Amino acid sequence: MGERFSLIFTPLFFGARLYVPTAEDIGTPDRLAEWMDDNKVTVTHLTPAMGQLLSAQATRHILSLNSAFFVVDVLTKRDCLRLQSLAPNVRVINMYGTTETQRAVSYFEIPAVSVDPTFLAAQKDILPAGEGMIDVQLLVVNRTDKTVPCAVGEVGEMYVRSGGLAEGS
């Protein structure tokens, strides 16, 4: 519930307009891209699945879109390429958050194609969780001994350390 409130009130707090598409705008192929273009949307917050729906059958470009924030699921290079072909001025921010806290704790930024057309070519198919937000540490620890940090490339469990989180078990 808290995440929904932040999605609604954060843009309003900063003086932005909040546009909410209808179920028909979301569910009709190509309509969501048209709706975004008609309303000159500049920033959007999507799940990767919604980004796929947006770009799957779109025939109209969204030149006004300059920032797309993704959270909830794994973001792929293919998803970013599709969105950037539809919105060449968009920078994509992949965010990672813990289910328990419903807040983003890390981010990885993909610049707009107009800024760096080769950036995505150098990335792996699955985009990284990125770096911790301000005052957030992301730790990868040994699965059997949580006090031992993993070496680079070693598989482990991700732990999030932040003043805004309670100690987990």
N, C-alpha and C. Protein backbone atom coordinates (compact mmCIF):
# COMPACT_ATOMS: atom_id res chain seq x y z
N MET A 1 0.82 -1.19 0.00
CA MET A 1 0.00 0.00 0.00
C MET A 1 0.87 1.26 0.00
N GLY A 2 1.97 1.24 0.76
CA GLY A 2 2.84 2.40 0.85
C GLY A 2 3.42 2.81 -0.49
N GLU A 3 3.79 1.80 -1.32
CA GLU A 3 4.37 2.12 -2.62
C GLU A 3 3.36 2.84 -3.51
N ARG A 4 2.10 2.43 -3.45
CA ARG A 4 1.07 3.09 -4.26
C ARG A 4 0.94 4.55 -3.88
N PHE A 5 1.00 4.84 -2.57
CA PHE A 5 0.91 6.23 -2.14
C PHE A 5 2.09 7.04 -2.65
N SER A 6 3.29 6.47 -2.59
CA SER A 6 4.45 7.21 -3.06
C SER A 6 4.38 7.45 -4.57
N LEU A 7 3.81 6.49 -5.31
CA LEU A 7 3.67 6.68 -6.76
C LEU A 7 2.71 7.82 -7.07
N ILE A 8 1.72 8.01 -6.23
CA ILE A 8 0.73 9.06 -6.46
C ILE A 8 1.20 10.40 -5.92
N PHE A 9 1.66 10.42 -4.68
CA PHE A 9 1.94 11.70 -4.03
C PHE A 9 3.30 12.30 -4.34
N THR A 10 4.30 11.49 -4.68
CA THR A 10 5.62 12.04 -4.98
C THR A 10 5.57 13.02 -6.15
N PRO A 11 4.98 12.66 -7.30
CA PRO A 11 4.94 13.66 -8.38
C PRO A 11 4.15 14.90 -8.01
N LEU A 12 3.05 14.72 -7.29
CA LEU A 12 2.24 15.87 -6.89
C LEU A 12 3.01 16.78 -5.93
N PHE A 13 3.78 16.19 -5.02
CA PHE A 13 4.59 16.96 -4.08
C PHE A 13 5.57 17.86 -4.82
N PHE A 14 6.13 17.36 -5.91
CA PHE A 14 7.11 18.13 -6.69
C PHE A 14 6.47 19.03 -7.73
N GLY A 15 5.15 19.12 -7.73
CA GLY A 15 4.46 20.04 -8.63
C GLY A 15 4.18 19.49 -10.01
N ALA A 16 4.34 18.21 -10.19
CA ALA A 16 4.08 17.61 -11.51
C ALA A 16 2.61 17.25 -11.64
N ARG A 17 2.21 17.00 -12.86
CA ARG A 17 0.87 16.47 -13.12
C ARG A 17 0.95 14.95 -13.04
N LEU A 18 -0.10 14.35 -12.56
CA LEU A 18 -0.18 12.90 -12.48
C LEU A 18 -1.21 12.43 -13.48
N TYR A 19 -0.78 11.62 -14.44
CA TYR A 19 -1.69 11.05 -15.43
C TYR A 19 -1.85 9.57 -15.15
N VAL A 20 -3.09 9.12 -15.13
CA VAL A 20 -3.39 7.71 -14.88
C VAL A 20 -4.20 7.19 -16.07
N PRO A 21 -3.66 6.21 -16.80
CA PRO A 21 -4.39 5.69 -17.96
C PRO A 21 -5.60 4.85 -17.53
N THR A 22 -6.59 4.79 -18.39
CA THR A 22 -7.75 3.95 -18.13
C THR A 22 -7.39 2.50 -18.41
N ALA A 23 -8.23 1.60 -17.97
CA ALA A 23 -8.01 0.17 -18.24
C ALA A 23 -8.00 -0.08 -19.75
N GLU A 24 -8.81 0.66 -20.49
CA GLU A 24 -8.84 0.51 -21.94
C GLU A 24 -7.52 0.99 -22.57
N ASP A 25 -6.98 2.09 -22.06
CA ASP A 25 -5.69 2.58 -22.56
C ASP A 25 -4.59 1.56 -22.34
N ILE A 26 -4.66 0.86 -21.22
CA ILE A 26 -3.64 -0.15 -20.90
C ILE A 26 -3.86 -1.43 -21.69
N GLY A 27 -5.12 -1.84 -21.81
CA GLY A 27 -5.42 -3.15 -22.38
C GLY A 27 -5.53 -3.23 -23.88
N THR A 28 -5.61 -2.09 -24.56
CA THR A 28 -5.75 -2.09 -26.02
C THR A 28 -4.37 -1.96 -26.66
N PRO A 29 -3.99 -2.93 -27.51
CA PRO A 29 -2.67 -2.85 -28.17
C PRO A 29 -2.47 -1.50 -28.85
N ASP A 30 -1.34 -0.92 -28.66
CA ASP A 30 -0.91 0.37 -29.22
C ASP A 30 -1.54 1.58 -28.52
N ARG A 31 -2.59 1.40 -27.77
CA ARG A 31 -3.28 2.54 -27.18
C ARG A 31 -2.45 3.22 -26.08
N LEU A 32 -1.71 2.46 -25.30
CA LEU A 32 -0.94 3.06 -24.20
C LEU A 32 0.12 4.02 -24.74
N ALA A 33 0.79 3.64 -25.81
CA ALA A 33 1.79 4.54 -26.42
C ALA A 33 1.12 5.79 -26.97
N GLU A 34 -0.03 5.63 -27.60
CA GLU A 34 -0.77 6.80 -28.10
C GLU A 34 -1.17 7.72 -26.95
N TRP A 35 -1.67 7.11 -25.88
CA TRP A 35 -2.10 7.87 -24.71
C TRP A 35 -0.92 8.66 -24.13
N MET A 36 0.24 8.01 -24.00
CA MET A 36 1.42 8.70 -23.46
C MET A 36 1.84 9.85 -24.37
N ASP A 37 1.80 9.62 -25.67
CA ASP A 37 2.17 10.67 -26.62
C ASP A 37 1.16 11.81 -26.59
N ASP A 38 -0.13 11.49 -26.59
CA ASP A 38 -1.18 12.51 -26.55
C ASP A 38 -1.04 13.41 -25.32
N ASN A 39 -0.68 12.81 -24.19
CA ASN A 39 -0.57 13.55 -22.93
C ASN A 39 0.83 14.10 -22.68
N LYS A 40 1.74 13.87 -23.63
CA LYS A 40 3.12 14.36 -23.52
C LYS A 40 3.77 13.95 -22.19
N VAL A 41 3.60 12.68 -21.84
CA VAL A 41 4.16 12.14 -20.60
C VAL A 41 5.68 12.22 -20.68
N THR A 42 6.30 12.71 -19.60
CA THR A 42 7.76 12.85 -19.56
C THR A 42 8.44 11.82 -18.66
N VAL A 43 7.73 11.36 -17.64
CA VAL A 43 8.28 10.38 -16.69
C VAL A 43 7.24 9.29 -16.47
N THR A 44 7.71 8.04 -16.44
CA THR A 44 6.79 6.94 -16.17
C THR A 44 7.43 5.95 -15.22
N HIS A 45 6.59 5.24 -14.51
CA HIS A 45 7.02 4.21 -13.56
C HIS A 45 6.33 2.93 -14.01
N LEU A 46 7.10 1.92 -14.40
CA LEU A 46 6.55 0.70 -14.99
C LEU A 46 7.16 -0.55 -14.39
N THR A 47 6.45 -1.64 -14.54
CA THR A 47 7.05 -2.96 -14.34
C THR A 47 7.58 -3.39 -15.70
N PRO A 48 8.52 -4.32 -15.75
CA PRO A 48 8.97 -4.80 -17.06
C PRO A 48 7.81 -5.34 -17.91
N ALA A 49 6.84 -6.02 -17.29
CA ALA A 49 5.70 -6.54 -18.06
C ALA A 49 4.89 -5.40 -18.68
N MET A 50 4.70 -4.30 -17.95
CA MET A 50 3.96 -3.16 -18.50
C MET A 50 4.78 -2.48 -19.60
N GLY A 51 6.09 -2.44 -19.45
CA GLY A 51 6.95 -1.90 -20.50
C GLY A 51 6.85 -2.72 -21.78
N GLN A 52 6.75 -4.04 -21.63
CA GLN A 52 6.58 -4.92 -22.79
C GLN A 52 5.24 -4.65 -23.46
N LEU A 53 4.21 -4.47 -22.66
CA LEU A 53 2.88 -4.17 -23.20
C LEU A 53 2.90 -2.83 -23.94
N LEU A 54 3.58 -1.86 -23.37
CA LEU A 54 3.69 -0.53 -23.98
C LEU A 54 4.37 -0.59 -25.35
N SER A 55 5.45 -1.33 -25.44
CA SER A 55 6.25 -1.32 -26.67
C SER A 55 5.91 -2.41 -27.68
N ALA A 56 5.13 -3.40 -27.28
CA ALA A 56 4.89 -4.57 -28.14
C ALA A 56 4.32 -4.23 -29.50
N GLN A 57 3.25 -3.47 -29.56
CA GLN A 57 2.61 -3.19 -30.84
C GLN A 57 2.49 -1.70 -31.11
N ALA A 58 3.29 -0.92 -30.45
CA ALA A 58 3.21 0.53 -30.60
C ALA A 58 3.64 0.96 -31.99
N THR A 59 2.89 1.89 -32.55
CA THR A 59 3.24 2.43 -33.86
C THR A 59 3.60 3.92 -33.77
N ARG A 60 3.35 4.51 -32.63
CA ARG A 60 3.64 5.93 -32.47
C ARG A 60 4.80 6.12 -31.49
N HIS A 61 5.70 7.02 -31.80
CA HIS A 61 6.83 7.32 -30.91
C HIS A 61 6.37 8.23 -29.77
N ILE A 62 7.08 8.15 -28.66
CA ILE A 62 6.79 9.00 -27.50
C ILE A 62 8.03 9.87 -27.29
N LEU A 63 8.12 10.94 -28.04
CA LEU A 63 9.31 11.79 -28.00
C LEU A 63 9.42 12.57 -26.70
N SER A 64 8.30 12.79 -26.01
CA SER A 64 8.32 13.55 -24.76
C SER A 64 8.89 12.74 -23.59
N LEU A 65 8.86 11.42 -23.69
CA LEU A 65 9.27 10.57 -22.57
C LEU A 65 10.78 10.66 -22.36
N ASN A 66 11.19 11.14 -21.17
CA ASN A 66 12.63 11.27 -20.92
C ASN A 66 13.13 10.40 -19.76
N SER A 67 12.23 9.84 -18.94
CA SER A 67 12.66 8.96 -17.85
C SER A 67 11.65 7.85 -17.64
N ALA A 68 12.15 6.62 -17.56
CA ALA A 68 11.30 5.46 -17.27
C ALA A 68 11.94 4.69 -16.12
N PHE A 69 11.20 4.57 -15.03
CA PHE A 69 11.67 3.85 -13.85
C PHE A 69 11.03 2.47 -13.83
N PHE A 70 11.86 1.43 -13.74
CA PHE A 70 11.38 0.05 -13.71
C PHE A 70 11.67 -0.56 -12.35
N VAL A 71 10.71 -1.29 -11.82
CA VAL A 71 10.87 -1.99 -10.54
C VAL A 71 9.95 -3.20 -10.54
N VAL A 72 10.13 -4.09 -9.63
CA VAL A 72 9.30 -5.27 -9.36
C VAL A 72 9.87 -6.55 -9.95
N ASP A 73 10.46 -6.51 -11.13
CA ASP A 73 10.91 -7.75 -11.76
C ASP A 73 12.23 -7.50 -12.49
N VAL A 74 12.79 -8.57 -13.02
CA VAL A 74 14.04 -8.51 -13.77
C VAL A 74 13.84 -7.68 -15.04
N LEU A 75 14.76 -6.76 -15.29
CA LEU A 75 14.72 -5.94 -16.50
C LEU A 75 15.78 -6.46 -17.47
N THR A 76 15.38 -6.66 -18.72
CA THR A 76 16.30 -7.20 -19.72
C THR A 76 16.74 -6.12 -20.70
N LYS A 77 17.85 -6.41 -21.34
CA LYS A 77 18.36 -5.52 -22.38
C LYS A 77 17.32 -5.37 -23.49
N ARG A 78 16.67 -6.48 -23.85
CA ARG A 78 15.66 -6.45 -24.91
C ARG A 78 14.51 -5.49 -24.57
N ASP A 79 14.07 -5.51 -23.30
CA ASP A 79 13.00 -4.60 -22.88
C ASP A 79 13.44 -3.14 -23.06
N CYS A 80 14.68 -2.84 -22.69
CA CYS A 80 15.20 -1.47 -22.81
C CYS A 80 15.32 -1.05 -24.26
N LEU A 81 15.83 -1.95 -25.10
CA LEU A 81 15.97 -1.63 -26.53
C LEU A 81 14.62 -1.34 -27.17
N ARG A 82 13.62 -2.12 -26.81
CA ARG A 82 12.27 -1.90 -27.35
C ARG A 82 11.73 -0.54 -26.92
N LEU A 83 11.88 -0.24 -25.64
CA LEU A 83 11.38 1.04 -25.15
C LEU A 83 12.13 2.20 -25.79
N GLN A 84 13.45 2.07 -25.91
CA GLN A 84 14.23 3.17 -26.48
C GLN A 84 13.98 3.33 -27.98
N SER A 85 13.54 2.28 -28.66
CA SER A 85 13.19 2.45 -30.08
C SER A 85 11.87 3.22 -30.20
N LEU A 86 11.04 3.11 -29.19
CA LEU A 86 9.76 3.81 -29.14
C LEU A 86 9.93 5.24 -28.61
N ALA A 87 10.86 5.40 -27.68
CA ALA A 87 11.10 6.69 -27.02
C ALA A 87 12.61 6.95 -26.99
N PRO A 88 13.18 7.48 -28.07
CA PRO A 88 14.64 7.61 -28.17
C PRO A 88 15.27 8.58 -27.17
N ASN A 89 14.46 9.41 -26.53
CA ASN A 89 14.99 10.36 -25.55
C ASN A 89 14.91 9.85 -24.12
N VAL A 90 14.45 8.61 -23.94
CA VAL A 90 14.23 8.10 -22.59
C VAL A 90 15.50 7.50 -21.99
N ARG A 91 15.76 7.89 -20.76
CA ARG A 91 16.78 7.19 -19.97
C ARG A 91 15.99 6.20 -19.11
N VAL A 92 16.54 5.03 -18.94
CA VAL A 92 15.87 3.96 -18.20
C VAL A 92 16.60 3.77 -16.88
N ILE A 93 15.83 3.72 -15.81
CA ILE A 93 16.42 3.49 -14.50
C ILE A 93 15.84 2.18 -13.96
N ASN A 94 16.71 1.19 -13.81
CA ASN A 94 16.31 -0.09 -13.25
C ASN A 94 16.49 0.00 -11.74
N MET A 95 15.42 -0.22 -11.00
CA MET A 95 15.49 -0.13 -9.55
C MET A 95 15.23 -1.51 -8.93
N TYR A 96 15.88 -1.75 -7.83
CA TYR A 96 15.69 -3.01 -7.10
C TYR A 96 15.19 -2.65 -5.71
N GLY A 97 14.21 -3.39 -5.25
CA GLY A 97 13.68 -3.17 -3.91
C GLY A 97 13.37 -4.48 -3.24
N THR A 98 13.34 -4.45 -1.93
CA THR A 98 13.00 -5.66 -1.20
C THR A 98 11.49 -5.77 -1.06
N THR A 99 10.98 -6.96 -1.16
CA THR A 99 9.54 -7.20 -1.04
C THR A 99 9.04 -6.73 0.32
N GLU A 100 9.83 -6.98 1.35
CA GLU A 100 9.41 -6.67 2.71
C GLU A 100 9.21 -5.18 2.97
N THR A 101 9.97 -4.33 2.31
CA THR A 101 9.91 -2.90 2.61
C THR A 101 9.16 -2.09 1.56
N GLN A 102 8.94 -2.64 0.40
CA GLN A 102 8.28 -1.93 -0.70
C GLN A 102 8.94 -0.59 -1.00
N ARG A 103 10.26 -0.58 -1.00
CA ARG A 103 10.96 0.64 -1.38
C ARG A 103 12.16 0.26 -2.23
N ALA A 104 12.50 1.12 -3.15
CA ALA A 104 13.68 0.88 -3.98
C ALA A 104 14.92 1.16 -3.16
N VAL A 105 15.89 0.25 -3.24
CA VAL A 105 17.12 0.41 -2.48
C VAL A 105 18.35 0.55 -3.37
N SER A 106 18.17 0.28 -4.68
CA SER A 106 19.30 0.42 -5.60
C SER A 106 18.80 0.86 -6.96
N TYR A 107 19.74 1.30 -7.79
CA TYR A 107 19.37 1.73 -9.14
C TYR A 107 20.53 1.51 -10.10
N PHE A 108 20.17 1.35 -11.37
CA PHE A 108 21.15 1.24 -12.45
C PHE A 108 20.58 2.06 -13.60
N GLU A 109 21.33 3.04 -14.07
CA GLU A 109 20.83 3.96 -15.10
C GLU A 109 21.36 3.60 -16.48
N ILE A 110 20.44 3.55 -17.44
CA ILE A 110 20.77 3.33 -18.84
C ILE A 110 20.49 4.66 -19.56
N PRO A 111 21.51 5.30 -20.11
CA PRO A 111 21.29 6.60 -20.75
C PRO A 111 20.43 6.48 -22.02
N ALA A 112 19.83 7.58 -22.39
CA ALA A 112 19.03 7.63 -23.62
C ALA A 112 19.91 7.30 -24.82
N VAL A 113 19.31 6.73 -25.83
CA VAL A 113 20.02 6.42 -27.08
C VAL A 113 20.62 7.69 -27.67
N SER A 114 19.91 8.80 -27.52
CA SER A 114 20.41 10.07 -28.06
C SER A 114 21.67 10.54 -27.33
N VAL A 115 21.90 10.05 -26.11
CA VAL A 115 23.08 10.42 -25.33
C VAL A 115 24.22 9.43 -25.56
N ASP A 116 23.91 8.13 -25.52
CA ASP A 116 24.93 7.09 -25.70
C ASP A 116 24.32 5.91 -26.44
N PRO A 117 24.40 5.90 -27.78
CA PRO A 117 23.75 4.85 -28.57
C PRO A 117 24.36 3.45 -28.42
N THR A 118 25.54 3.34 -27.83
CA THR A 118 26.18 2.02 -27.72
C THR A 118 26.16 1.44 -26.30
N PHE A 119 25.59 2.16 -25.34
CA PHE A 119 25.63 1.73 -23.95
C PHE A 119 25.05 0.32 -23.75
N LEU A 120 23.87 0.08 -24.27
CA LEU A 120 23.22 -1.22 -24.05
C LEU A 120 23.97 -2.36 -24.72
N ALA A 121 24.66 -2.09 -25.81
CA ALA A 121 25.41 -3.15 -26.50
C ALA A 121 26.47 -3.76 -25.59
N ALA A 122 26.98 -2.98 -24.66
CA ALA A 122 28.03 -3.46 -23.75
C ALA A 122 27.47 -4.17 -22.51
N GLN A 123 26.15 -4.20 -22.37
CA GLN A 123 25.53 -4.80 -21.19
C GLN A 123 25.16 -6.26 -21.42
N LYS A 124 25.03 -7.00 -20.34
CA LYS A 124 24.55 -8.38 -20.41
C LYS A 124 23.04 -8.38 -20.66
N ASP A 125 22.48 -9.55 -20.95
CA ASP A 125 21.05 -9.64 -21.26
C ASP A 125 20.16 -9.23 -20.09
N ILE A 126 20.59 -9.55 -18.87
CA ILE A 126 19.84 -9.16 -17.67
C ILE A 126 20.60 -7.99 -17.04
N LEU A 127 19.89 -6.88 -16.85
CA LEU A 127 20.55 -5.69 -16.33
C LEU A 127 20.75 -5.80 -14.82
N PRO A 128 21.83 -5.23 -14.31
CA PRO A 128 22.15 -5.37 -12.88
C PRO A 128 21.23 -4.54 -11.99
N ALA A 129 21.23 -4.91 -10.70
CA ALA A 129 20.48 -4.15 -9.70
C ALA A 129 21.12 -2.78 -9.49
N GLY A 130 22.39 -2.66 -9.80
CA GLY A 130 23.06 -1.37 -9.72
C GLY A 130 23.69 -1.10 -8.37
N GLU A 131 23.72 0.16 -8.00
CA GLU A 131 24.35 0.57 -6.75
C GLU A 131 23.29 1.02 -5.76
N GLY A 132 23.65 1.00 -4.49
CA GLY A 132 22.71 1.39 -3.45
C GLY A 132 22.36 2.86 -3.52
N MET A 133 21.13 3.17 -3.14
CA MET A 133 20.70 4.56 -3.02
C MET A 133 21.53 5.21 -1.90
N ILE A 134 21.34 6.48 -1.67
CA ILE A 134 22.04 7.18 -0.60
C ILE A 134 21.77 6.47 0.72
N ASP A 135 22.82 6.23 1.49
CA ASP A 135 22.75 5.56 2.80
C ASP A 135 22.25 4.12 2.74
N VAL A 136 22.44 3.46 1.61
CA VAL A 136 22.08 2.04 1.47
C VAL A 136 23.32 1.27 1.04
N GLN A 137 23.59 0.18 1.72
CA GLN A 137 24.68 -0.72 1.33
C GLN A 137 24.06 -2.02 0.82
N LEU A 138 24.55 -2.48 -0.32
CA LEU A 138 24.15 -3.78 -0.86
C LEU A 138 25.31 -4.73 -0.62
N LEU A 139 25.04 -5.82 0.06
CA LEU A 139 26.08 -6.78 0.41
C LEU A 139 25.74 -8.13 -0.21
N VAL A 140 26.72 -8.79 -0.76
CA VAL A 140 26.54 -10.17 -1.22
C VAL A 140 27.35 -11.03 -0.27
N VAL A 141 26.65 -11.90 0.45
CA VAL A 141 27.30 -12.70 1.49
C VAL A 141 27.21 -14.18 1.18
N ASN A 142 28.12 -14.93 1.79
CA ASN A 142 28.18 -16.38 1.64
C ASN A 142 26.87 -17.00 2.13
N ARG A 143 26.35 -17.96 1.40
CA ARG A 143 25.06 -18.56 1.75
C ARG A 143 25.10 -19.35 3.05
N THR A 144 26.23 -19.93 3.37
CA THR A 144 26.31 -20.73 4.60
C THR A 144 26.83 -19.94 5.79
N ASP A 145 27.63 -18.93 5.55
CA ASP A 145 28.14 -18.09 6.64
C ASP A 145 27.89 -16.63 6.28
N LYS A 146 26.82 -16.08 6.81
CA LYS A 146 26.39 -14.72 6.46
C LYS A 146 27.37 -13.63 6.89
N THR A 147 28.36 -13.98 7.68
CA THR A 147 29.35 -12.98 8.10
C THR A 147 30.49 -12.85 7.10
N VAL A 148 30.50 -13.72 6.08
CA VAL A 148 31.59 -13.72 5.10
C VAL A 148 31.09 -13.11 3.79
N PRO A 149 31.69 -11.98 3.37
CA PRO A 149 31.30 -11.41 2.08
C PRO A 149 31.80 -12.28 0.93
N CYS A 150 31.05 -12.29 -0.15
CA CYS A 150 31.46 -13.05 -1.34
C CYS A 150 32.53 -12.30 -2.11
N ALA A 151 33.34 -13.06 -2.81
CA ALA A 151 34.32 -12.47 -3.73
C ALA A 151 33.59 -12.06 -5.01
N VAL A 152 34.22 -11.23 -5.81
CA VAL A 152 33.63 -10.82 -7.08
C VAL A 152 33.37 -12.05 -7.93
N GLY A 153 32.14 -12.17 -8.43
CA GLY A 153 31.76 -13.30 -9.28
C GLY A 153 31.24 -14.50 -8.52
N GLU A 154 31.40 -14.52 -7.20
CA GLU A 154 30.93 -15.65 -6.39
C GLU A 154 29.42 -15.51 -6.14
N VAL A 155 28.70 -16.62 -6.22
CA VAL A 155 27.26 -16.62 -5.98
C VAL A 155 27.01 -16.55 -4.48
N GLY A 156 26.06 -15.72 -4.08
CA GLY A 156 25.71 -15.58 -2.68
C GLY A 156 24.31 -15.02 -2.53
N GLU A 157 24.01 -14.51 -1.35
CA GLU A 157 22.72 -13.89 -1.08
C GLU A 157 22.92 -12.39 -0.92
N MET A 158 21.97 -11.61 -1.45
CA MET A 158 22.06 -10.17 -1.33
C MET A 158 21.40 -9.73 -0.03
N TYR A 159 22.13 -8.93 0.71
CA TYR A 159 21.61 -8.32 1.92
C TYR A 159 21.61 -6.82 1.72
N VAL A 160 20.61 -6.16 2.27
CA VAL A 160 20.49 -4.72 2.18
C VAL A 160 20.68 -4.15 3.58
N ARG A 161 21.58 -3.17 3.69
CA ARG A 161 21.82 -2.52 4.98
C ARG A 161 21.48 -1.04 4.82
N SER A 162 20.58 -0.57 5.69
CA SER A 162 20.18 0.83 5.64
C SER A 162 19.57 1.22 6.98
N GLY A 163 19.72 2.47 7.34
CA GLY A 163 19.13 2.96 8.59
C GLY A 163 17.62 2.86 8.60
N GLY A 164 17.00 2.81 7.42
CA GLY A 164 15.55 2.74 7.33
C GLY A 164 14.98 1.33 7.37
N LEU A 165 15.84 0.33 7.56
CA LEU A 165 15.38 -1.06 7.59
C LEU A 165 15.63 -1.67 8.96
N ALA A 166 14.72 -2.53 9.38
CA ALA A 166 14.91 -3.25 10.64
C ALA A 166 15.77 -4.48 10.38
N GLU A 167 16.39 -4.99 11.43
CA GLU A 167 17.22 -6.18 11.30
C GLU A 167 16.34 -7.38 10.99
N GLY A 168 16.72 -8.13 9.96
CA GLY A 168 15.95 -9.31 9.57
C GLY A 168 16.49 -10.55 10.23
N SER A 169 15.84 -11.66 9.95
CA SER A 169 16.30 -12.93 10.53
C SER A 169 16.83 -13.84 9.46
